[in-house]
Amino acid sequence: EVQLVESGGGLVQAGGSLRLSCAASGFTDGHDMDDYDIGWFRQAPGKEREWVSCISASDRSETYYDHSVEGRFTISSDGAKNTVYLQMNNLKPEDTAVYYCAAPPIDSDCSWSAPDYHYWGQGIQVTVSS
């Protein structure tokens, strides 16, 4: 089964940057991470999990962002490492949350809806101080 592991979180001051990584393993039938759309979600205390960004499997230059992060966050992938990144710049206190990477079933499309994703990482904390 596909397993996703996030890393790179931590504490940063407002205006700072972090790069999250999502490393994938457990592929079968000759597939690898490039066959999957990969999304990033986040969940702040007391709030629902919200979609942040997605990168398309069919074209890794096809990326999508929530309006709250567009222009500050960049999603990218390194197929050779089976890793997707989320570069987060100009961080704001409201970006504080647990961040999750996730993958929908193979041959799906990027989606903003969490129930469309089957595989999830364990999450990693990002804290932005003011």
Foldseek 3Di string as FASTA:
>chain_A
DKAWAKDWADEEAAQAKIKIKIAIDDDDPPDALLQWKKWKWWDDPPGDIWTAKIAWSVDRVDIDGDPVQPPFWDWGDDRVRSMIMIIGGRDDQVVWTWMKMFTAPGPDGDDGDPVRTDYIHPTDTHGYHD
